[in-house]
């Protein structure tokens, strides 16, 4: 159980760093593109930045796991993947609900509370030698498993 906790934690950290770099690069691109000689940015710049970031998140959490079944870049490096509890592959709708709505948007709306809650929950389960299931795993009836290849 502890090994899986480490794998999930490192995969989360890798995904977090990659998205942070993408968002930072995106913000720099927008700021350079819409530079108004020191003036504040208008609503259209903010909307453009939000839309681009949502597209990046959609690609990272939905398109990539569909193309690399059940894996983001971090999960692929750590050799783990997301599956339904019956061990079947997840659908696009499942990825949208689990990763986009329950992980990304809910974490954003709660200022990261869900991330802290999941860290505590997974650590507790690891100590108790229970199967590791985060909040989104309970809601969507999914598991994160080791890839055996």
N, C-alpha and C. Protein backbone atom coordinates (compact mmCIF):
# COMPACT_ATOMS: atom_id res chain seq x y z
N UNK A 1 0.82 -1.20 0.00
CA UNK A 1 0.00 0.00 0.00
C UNK A 1 0.86 1.27 0.00
N UNK A 2 1.95 1.23 0.80
CA UNK A 2 2.80 2.42 0.87
C UNK A 2 3.44 2.71 -0.48
N UNK A 3 3.83 1.65 -1.20
CA UNK A 3 4.43 1.83 -2.53
C UNK A 3 3.45 2.53 -3.47
N UNK A 4 2.18 2.14 -3.41
CA UNK A 4 1.17 2.76 -4.27
C UNK A 4 0.93 4.22 -3.86
N UNK A 5 0.99 4.50 -2.57
CA UNK A 5 0.85 5.88 -2.09
C UNK A 5 1.97 6.74 -2.68
N UNK A 6 3.19 6.23 -2.65
CA UNK A 6 4.33 6.96 -3.21
C UNK A 6 4.15 7.14 -4.72
N UNK A 7 3.75 6.08 -5.41
CA UNK A 7 3.54 6.17 -6.86
C UNK A 7 2.50 7.24 -7.21
N UNK A 8 1.38 7.22 -6.50
CA UNK A 8 0.32 8.20 -6.77
C UNK A 8 0.80 9.61 -6.43
N UNK A 9 1.52 9.75 -5.33
CA UNK A 9 2.02 11.06 -4.93
C UNK A 9 3.01 11.63 -5.93
N UNK A 10 3.94 10.81 -6.39
CA UNK A 10 4.93 11.28 -7.37
C UNK A 10 4.25 11.58 -8.70
N UNK A 11 3.30 10.74 -9.12
CA UNK A 11 2.56 10.99 -10.37
C UNK A 11 1.80 12.31 -10.28
N UNK A 12 1.17 12.57 -9.13
CA UNK A 12 0.46 13.83 -8.93
C UNK A 12 1.43 15.00 -9.03
N UNK A 13 2.59 14.87 -8.39
CA UNK A 13 3.59 15.94 -8.40
C UNK A 13 4.09 16.21 -9.82
N UNK A 14 4.36 15.16 -10.59
CA UNK A 14 4.81 15.33 -11.98
C UNK A 14 3.74 16.05 -12.79
N UNK A 15 2.48 15.60 -12.67
CA UNK A 15 1.39 16.23 -13.41
C UNK A 15 1.21 17.69 -12.98
N UNK A 16 1.34 17.95 -11.68
CA UNK A 16 1.21 19.31 -11.16
C UNK A 16 2.28 20.22 -11.76
N UNK A 17 3.53 19.76 -11.76
CA UNK A 17 4.63 20.56 -12.29
C UNK A 17 4.43 20.82 -13.78
N UNK A 18 4.06 19.79 -14.54
CA UNK A 18 3.83 19.97 -15.98
C UNK A 18 2.73 20.99 -16.25
N UNK A 19 1.60 20.88 -15.53
CA UNK A 19 0.52 21.85 -15.73
C UNK A 19 0.93 23.24 -15.28
N UNK A 20 1.69 23.33 -14.21
CA UNK A 20 2.18 24.63 -13.75
C UNK A 20 3.05 25.29 -14.82
N UNK A 21 3.93 24.52 -15.42
CA UNK A 21 4.78 25.05 -16.50
C UNK A 21 3.94 25.47 -17.71
N UNK A 22 2.94 24.67 -18.06
CA UNK A 22 2.06 25.01 -19.18
C UNK A 22 1.30 26.30 -18.87
N UNK A 23 0.72 26.39 -17.67
CA UNK A 23 -0.04 27.59 -17.30
C UNK A 23 0.86 28.83 -17.26
N UNK A 24 2.05 28.67 -16.70
CA UNK A 24 2.97 29.81 -16.62
C UNK A 24 3.38 30.26 -18.02
N UNK A 25 3.71 29.31 -18.88
CA UNK A 25 4.06 29.65 -20.26
C UNK A 25 2.90 30.30 -20.99
N UNK A 26 1.70 29.80 -20.74
CA UNK A 26 0.50 30.37 -21.34
C UNK A 26 0.30 31.81 -20.87
N UNK A 27 0.46 32.03 -19.58
CA UNK A 27 0.28 33.39 -19.04
C UNK A 27 1.31 34.34 -19.63
N UNK A 28 2.56 33.90 -19.73
CA UNK A 28 3.60 34.75 -20.31
C UNK A 28 3.29 35.08 -21.77
N UNK A 29 2.83 34.09 -22.51
CA UNK A 29 2.46 34.31 -23.92
C UNK A 29 1.34 35.34 -24.04
N UNK A 30 0.31 35.19 -23.20
CA UNK A 30 -0.82 36.13 -23.24
C UNK A 30 -0.35 37.52 -22.86
N UNK A 31 0.44 37.65 -21.81
CA UNK A 31 0.90 38.96 -21.37
C UNK A 31 1.75 39.65 -22.44
N UNK A 32 2.60 38.89 -23.12
CA UNK A 32 3.43 39.46 -24.18
C UNK A 32 2.58 39.83 -25.39
N UNK A 33 1.63 38.97 -25.74
CA UNK A 33 0.78 39.20 -26.92
C UNK A 33 -0.13 40.40 -26.76
N UNK A 34 -0.64 40.61 -25.55
CA UNK A 34 -1.60 41.68 -25.33
C UNK A 34 -1.01 42.85 -24.54
N UNK A 35 0.29 43.04 -24.62
CA UNK A 35 0.94 44.11 -23.86
C UNK A 35 0.40 45.46 -24.31
N UNK A 36 -0.13 46.20 -23.36
CA UNK A 36 -0.71 47.52 -23.65
C UNK A 36 0.15 48.63 -23.07
N UNK A 37 1.44 48.51 -23.19
CA UNK A 37 2.37 49.53 -22.70
C UNK A 37 2.10 49.89 -21.24
N UNK A 38 2.01 48.87 -20.40
CA UNK A 38 1.86 49.11 -18.97
C UNK A 38 0.43 49.27 -18.49
N UNK A 39 -0.54 49.28 -19.37
CA UNK A 39 -1.94 49.41 -18.95
C UNK A 39 -2.44 48.07 -18.42
N UNK A 40 -3.53 48.13 -17.66
CA UNK A 40 -4.10 46.88 -17.13
C UNK A 40 -4.78 46.11 -18.27
N UNK A 41 -4.88 44.81 -18.07
CA UNK A 41 -5.48 43.96 -19.09
C UNK A 41 -7.00 44.00 -18.99
N UNK A 42 -7.64 43.97 -20.14
CA UNK A 42 -9.09 44.00 -20.19
C UNK A 42 -9.70 42.63 -20.00
N UNK A 43 -11.01 42.62 -20.00
CA UNK A 43 -11.77 41.39 -19.80
C UNK A 43 -11.49 40.37 -20.89
N UNK A 44 -11.29 40.82 -22.13
CA UNK A 44 -11.06 39.87 -23.21
C UNK A 44 -9.74 39.11 -23.03
N UNK A 45 -8.74 39.74 -22.45
CA UNK A 45 -7.47 39.05 -22.19
C UNK A 45 -7.65 37.99 -21.11
N UNK A 46 -8.37 38.33 -20.07
CA UNK A 46 -8.63 37.38 -18.98
C UNK A 46 -9.43 36.20 -19.51
N UNK A 47 -10.45 36.46 -20.30
CA UNK A 47 -11.27 35.38 -20.87
C UNK A 47 -10.42 34.50 -21.79
N UNK A 48 -9.57 35.11 -22.60
CA UNK A 48 -8.70 34.33 -23.50
C UNK A 48 -7.77 33.43 -22.69
N UNK A 49 -7.23 33.95 -21.61
CA UNK A 49 -6.31 33.16 -20.78
C UNK A 49 -7.05 32.00 -20.12
N UNK A 50 -8.23 32.25 -19.59
CA UNK A 50 -9.01 31.19 -18.96
C UNK A 50 -9.39 30.12 -19.97
N UNK A 51 -9.82 30.54 -21.15
CA UNK A 51 -10.21 29.57 -22.19
C UNK A 51 -9.02 28.70 -22.60
N UNK A 52 -7.86 29.30 -22.80
CA UNK A 52 -6.68 28.52 -23.17
C UNK A 52 -6.30 27.53 -22.06
N UNK A 53 -6.38 27.98 -20.82
CA UNK A 53 -6.03 27.09 -19.72
C UNK A 53 -7.02 25.93 -19.61
N UNK A 54 -8.30 26.19 -19.83
CA UNK A 54 -9.29 25.11 -19.81
C UNK A 54 -9.04 24.12 -20.94
N UNK A 55 -8.63 24.62 -22.09
CA UNK A 55 -8.29 23.73 -23.21
C UNK A 55 -7.09 22.86 -22.84
N UNK A 56 -6.07 23.45 -22.23
CA UNK A 56 -4.90 22.68 -21.81
C UNK A 56 -5.28 21.61 -20.79
N UNK A 57 -6.12 21.97 -19.82
CA UNK A 57 -6.55 21.00 -18.81
C UNK A 57 -7.37 19.89 -19.46
N UNK A 58 -8.25 20.25 -20.39
CA UNK A 58 -9.04 19.26 -21.11
C UNK A 58 -8.12 18.28 -21.85
N UNK A 59 -7.13 18.81 -22.53
CA UNK A 59 -6.18 17.96 -23.26
C UNK A 59 -5.43 17.05 -22.28
N UNK A 60 -4.95 17.63 -21.18
CA UNK A 60 -4.11 16.88 -20.25
C UNK A 60 -4.88 15.80 -19.49
N UNK A 61 -6.10 16.13 -19.05
CA UNK A 61 -6.85 15.20 -18.20
C UNK A 61 -7.87 14.35 -18.94
N UNK A 62 -8.18 14.67 -20.19
CA UNK A 62 -9.16 13.87 -20.93
C UNK A 62 -8.54 13.27 -22.19
N UNK A 63 -7.97 14.09 -23.06
CA UNK A 63 -7.43 13.59 -24.32
C UNK A 63 -6.25 12.63 -24.10
N UNK A 64 -5.29 13.03 -23.28
CA UNK A 64 -4.11 12.18 -23.05
C UNK A 64 -4.50 10.85 -22.39
N UNK A 65 -5.35 10.84 -21.34
CA UNK A 65 -5.73 9.53 -20.77
C UNK A 65 -6.53 8.64 -21.73
N UNK A 66 -7.22 9.24 -22.68
CA UNK A 66 -7.92 8.42 -23.69
C UNK A 66 -6.89 7.81 -24.64
N UNK A 67 -5.90 8.59 -25.04
CA UNK A 67 -4.87 8.11 -25.97
C UNK A 67 -3.90 7.12 -25.30
N UNK A 68 -3.58 7.36 -24.02
CA UNK A 68 -2.72 6.44 -23.25
C UNK A 68 -3.63 5.86 -22.16
N UNK A 69 -4.42 4.86 -22.47
CA UNK A 69 -5.54 4.46 -21.60
C UNK A 69 -5.27 4.54 -20.10
N UNK A 70 -5.97 5.49 -19.48
CA UNK A 70 -5.93 5.63 -18.04
C UNK A 70 -4.73 6.33 -17.46
N UNK A 71 -3.89 6.90 -18.32
CA UNK A 71 -2.65 7.48 -17.80
C UNK A 71 -2.45 8.92 -18.26
N UNK A 72 -1.97 9.74 -17.33
CA UNK A 72 -1.41 11.04 -17.66
C UNK A 72 0.09 10.82 -17.79
N UNK A 73 0.83 11.86 -18.05
CA UNK A 73 2.29 11.72 -18.15
C UNK A 73 2.87 11.21 -16.82
N UNK A 74 2.42 11.79 -15.72
CA UNK A 74 2.90 11.36 -14.40
C UNK A 74 2.57 9.91 -14.10
N UNK A 75 1.35 9.51 -14.41
CA UNK A 75 0.95 8.12 -14.17
C UNK A 75 1.74 7.16 -15.06
N UNK A 76 2.01 7.56 -16.28
CA UNK A 76 2.77 6.69 -17.19
C UNK A 76 4.20 6.49 -16.66
N UNK A 77 4.82 7.57 -16.21
CA UNK A 77 6.17 7.47 -15.66
C UNK A 77 6.19 6.57 -14.43
N UNK A 78 5.15 6.67 -13.59
CA UNK A 78 5.09 5.89 -12.36
C UNK A 78 4.45 4.51 -12.56
N UNK A 79 4.07 4.19 -13.80
CA UNK A 79 3.51 2.88 -14.16
C UNK A 79 2.24 2.55 -13.37
N UNK A 80 1.32 3.53 -13.34
CA UNK A 80 -0.01 3.31 -12.77
C UNK A 80 -1.04 3.83 -13.75
N UNK A 81 -2.30 3.42 -13.57
CA UNK A 81 -3.36 3.90 -14.45
C UNK A 81 -4.70 3.87 -13.74
N UNK A 82 -5.65 4.63 -14.28
CA UNK A 82 -7.01 4.68 -13.76
C UNK A 82 -7.86 3.67 -14.51
N UNK A 83 -8.67 2.92 -13.76
CA UNK A 83 -9.63 1.99 -14.36
C UNK A 83 -10.91 2.03 -13.54
N UNK A 84 -12.00 1.52 -14.13
CA UNK A 84 -13.23 1.36 -13.36
C UNK A 84 -13.01 0.25 -12.35
N UNK A 85 -13.86 0.18 -11.32
CA UNK A 85 -13.69 -0.85 -10.30
C UNK A 85 -13.78 -2.26 -10.87
N UNK A 86 -14.50 -2.42 -11.97
CA UNK A 86 -14.60 -3.75 -12.60
C UNK A 86 -13.40 -4.02 -13.52
N UNK A 87 -12.37 -3.18 -13.43
CA UNK A 87 -11.11 -3.28 -14.19
C UNK A 87 -11.26 -2.97 -15.68
N UNK A 88 -12.40 -2.43 -16.09
CA UNK A 88 -12.58 -2.04 -17.49
C UNK A 88 -12.04 -0.63 -17.70
N UNK A 89 -11.71 -0.33 -18.94
CA UNK A 89 -11.19 1.00 -19.28
C UNK A 89 -12.29 2.05 -19.08
N UNK A 90 -11.88 3.25 -18.75
CA UNK A 90 -12.81 4.35 -18.55
C UNK A 90 -13.16 4.98 -19.90
N UNK A 91 -14.32 5.64 -19.94
CA UNK A 91 -14.78 6.32 -21.15
C UNK A 91 -14.40 7.80 -21.08
N UNK A 92 -14.59 8.50 -22.18
CA UNK A 92 -14.34 9.95 -22.21
C UNK A 92 -15.19 10.64 -21.15
N UNK A 93 -16.44 10.23 -21.02
CA UNK A 93 -17.33 10.80 -20.01
C UNK A 93 -16.80 10.56 -18.60
N UNK A 94 -16.28 9.37 -18.35
CA UNK A 94 -15.70 9.07 -17.03
C UNK A 94 -14.51 9.98 -16.73
N UNK A 95 -13.63 10.15 -17.71
CA UNK A 95 -12.47 11.03 -17.51
C UNK A 95 -12.92 12.47 -17.26
N UNK A 96 -13.92 12.91 -18.01
CA UNK A 96 -14.42 14.28 -17.83
C UNK A 96 -14.93 14.47 -16.41
N UNK A 97 -15.76 13.55 -15.95
CA UNK A 97 -16.34 13.68 -14.61
C UNK A 97 -15.26 13.53 -13.51
N UNK A 98 -14.41 12.51 -13.64
CA UNK A 98 -13.44 12.21 -12.58
C UNK A 98 -12.32 13.24 -12.52
N UNK A 99 -11.68 13.47 -13.65
CA UNK A 99 -10.47 14.28 -13.64
C UNK A 99 -10.72 15.77 -13.86
N UNK A 100 -11.66 16.10 -14.73
CA UNK A 100 -11.90 17.52 -15.01
C UNK A 100 -12.80 18.13 -13.94
N UNK A 101 -13.96 17.52 -13.69
CA UNK A 101 -14.90 18.10 -12.73
C UNK A 101 -14.47 17.86 -11.28
N UNK A 102 -14.21 16.60 -10.93
CA UNK A 102 -13.95 16.28 -9.52
C UNK A 102 -12.53 16.64 -9.07
N UNK A 103 -11.55 16.52 -9.95
CA UNK A 103 -10.18 16.85 -9.54
C UNK A 103 -9.84 18.30 -9.81
N UNK A 104 -9.91 18.72 -11.06
CA UNK A 104 -9.43 20.06 -11.41
C UNK A 104 -10.38 21.16 -10.92
N UNK A 105 -11.63 21.13 -11.36
CA UNK A 105 -12.54 22.23 -11.01
C UNK A 105 -12.84 22.27 -9.52
N UNK A 106 -13.11 21.11 -8.91
CA UNK A 106 -13.42 21.11 -7.48
C UNK A 106 -12.22 21.57 -6.66
N UNK A 107 -11.02 21.16 -7.05
CA UNK A 107 -9.81 21.64 -6.35
C UNK A 107 -9.64 23.14 -6.52
N UNK A 108 -9.90 23.62 -7.73
CA UNK A 108 -9.78 25.06 -7.98
C UNK A 108 -10.79 25.85 -7.18
N UNK A 109 -12.02 25.35 -7.11
CA UNK A 109 -13.08 26.08 -6.41
C UNK A 109 -12.92 26.03 -4.89
N UNK A 110 -12.23 25.03 -4.38
CA UNK A 110 -12.05 24.92 -2.92
C UNK A 110 -10.65 25.32 -2.49
N UNK A 111 -9.93 26.03 -3.35
CA UNK A 111 -8.57 26.49 -3.05
C UNK A 111 -7.65 25.36 -2.62
N UNK A 112 -7.79 24.21 -3.25
CA UNK A 112 -6.91 23.10 -2.98
C UNK A 112 -7.31 22.22 -1.81
N UNK A 113 -8.45 22.50 -1.18
CA UNK A 113 -8.88 21.69 -0.04
C UNK A 113 -9.00 20.22 -0.42
N UNK A 114 -9.52 19.93 -1.61
CA UNK A 114 -9.71 18.55 -2.05
C UNK A 114 -8.36 17.83 -2.15
N UNK A 115 -7.33 18.54 -2.58
CA UNK A 115 -5.99 17.93 -2.67
C UNK A 115 -5.50 17.55 -1.28
N UNK A 116 -5.66 18.44 -0.31
CA UNK A 116 -5.24 18.16 1.06
C UNK A 116 -6.08 17.02 1.65
N UNK A 117 -7.39 17.05 1.40
CA UNK A 117 -8.28 15.99 1.87
C UNK A 117 -7.84 14.64 1.31
N UNK A 118 -7.55 14.60 0.00
CA UNK A 118 -7.11 13.35 -0.63
C UNK A 118 -5.78 12.86 -0.05
N UNK A 119 -4.86 13.78 0.21
CA UNK A 119 -3.56 13.40 0.79
C UNK A 119 -3.76 12.76 2.16
N UNK A 120 -4.62 13.36 2.97
CA UNK A 120 -4.91 12.81 4.30
C UNK A 120 -5.61 11.46 4.18
N UNK A 121 -6.61 11.38 3.30
CA UNK A 121 -7.37 10.15 3.10
C UNK A 121 -6.48 9.00 2.63
N UNK A 122 -5.65 9.26 1.63
CA UNK A 122 -4.77 8.22 1.10
C UNK A 122 -3.72 7.78 2.12
N UNK A 123 -3.19 8.73 2.89
CA UNK A 123 -2.21 8.39 3.93
C UNK A 123 -2.86 7.53 5.01
N UNK A 124 -4.06 7.91 5.43
CA UNK A 124 -4.79 7.12 6.43
C UNK A 124 -5.04 5.70 5.92
N UNK A 125 -5.48 5.58 4.67
CA UNK A 125 -5.74 4.26 4.10
C UNK A 125 -4.45 3.44 4.01
N UNK A 126 -3.34 4.09 3.69
CA UNK A 126 -2.06 3.39 3.61
C UNK A 126 -1.64 2.86 4.98
N UNK A 127 -1.80 3.68 6.01
CA UNK A 127 -1.45 3.27 7.37
C UNK A 127 -2.32 2.10 7.82
N UNK A 128 -3.61 2.15 7.47
CA UNK A 128 -4.55 1.09 7.85
C UNK A 128 -4.48 -0.11 6.91
N UNK A 129 -3.58 -0.05 5.90
CA UNK A 129 -3.42 -1.11 4.90
C UNK A 129 -4.72 -1.40 4.16
N UNK A 130 -5.46 -0.34 3.86
CA UNK A 130 -6.69 -0.44 3.08
C UNK A 130 -6.39 -0.10 1.63
N UNK A 131 -7.26 -0.52 0.71
CA UNK A 131 -7.07 -0.10 -0.69
C UNK A 131 -7.09 1.42 -0.79
N UNK A 132 -6.19 1.98 -1.59
CA UNK A 132 -6.09 3.43 -1.71
C UNK A 132 -7.14 3.95 -2.68
N UNK A 133 -8.05 4.78 -2.16
CA UNK A 133 -9.08 5.37 -3.00
C UNK A 133 -9.27 6.82 -2.58
N UNK A 134 -9.08 7.72 -3.53
CA UNK A 134 -9.26 9.15 -3.28
C UNK A 134 -10.74 9.50 -3.41
N UNK A 135 -11.06 10.75 -3.09
CA UNK A 135 -12.45 11.22 -3.16
C UNK A 135 -13.07 10.93 -4.52
N UNK A 136 -12.35 11.29 -5.59
CA UNK A 136 -12.89 11.08 -6.93
C UNK A 136 -13.04 9.60 -7.27
N UNK A 137 -12.23 8.74 -6.66
CA UNK A 137 -12.36 7.30 -6.88
C UNK A 137 -13.65 6.77 -6.26
N UNK A 138 -13.99 7.27 -5.07
CA UNK A 138 -15.23 6.85 -4.43
C UNK A 138 -16.44 7.31 -5.24
N UNK A 139 -16.43 8.57 -5.66
CA UNK A 139 -17.58 9.12 -6.39
C UNK A 139 -17.77 8.41 -7.73
N UNK A 140 -16.68 8.19 -8.46
CA UNK A 140 -16.76 7.61 -9.81
C UNK A 140 -16.60 6.09 -9.84
N UNK A 141 -16.39 5.47 -8.67
CA UNK A 141 -16.20 4.02 -8.59
C UNK A 141 -15.04 3.57 -9.49
N UNK A 142 -13.88 4.20 -9.26
CA UNK A 142 -12.68 3.88 -10.02
C UNK A 142 -11.56 3.46 -9.07
N UNK A 143 -10.53 2.88 -9.64
CA UNK A 143 -9.33 2.51 -8.89
C UNK A 143 -8.12 2.98 -9.68
N UNK A 144 -7.02 3.17 -8.98
CA UNK A 144 -5.74 3.41 -9.64
C UNK A 144 -4.90 2.17 -9.36
N UNK A 145 -4.45 1.52 -10.44
CA UNK A 145 -3.75 0.25 -10.31
C UNK A 145 -2.36 0.34 -10.93
N UNK A 146 -1.49 -0.62 -10.56
CA UNK A 146 -0.17 -0.71 -11.18
C UNK A 146 -0.32 -1.32 -12.57
N UNK A 147 0.45 -0.81 -13.51
CA UNK A 147 0.49 -1.37 -14.85
C UNK A 147 1.49 -2.52 -14.81
N UNK A 148 1.08 -3.67 -15.31
CA UNK A 148 1.93 -4.86 -15.19
C UNK A 148 2.87 -5.09 -16.36
N UNK A 149 2.76 -4.30 -17.41
CA UNK A 149 3.63 -4.49 -18.59
C UNK A 149 5.07 -4.22 -18.24
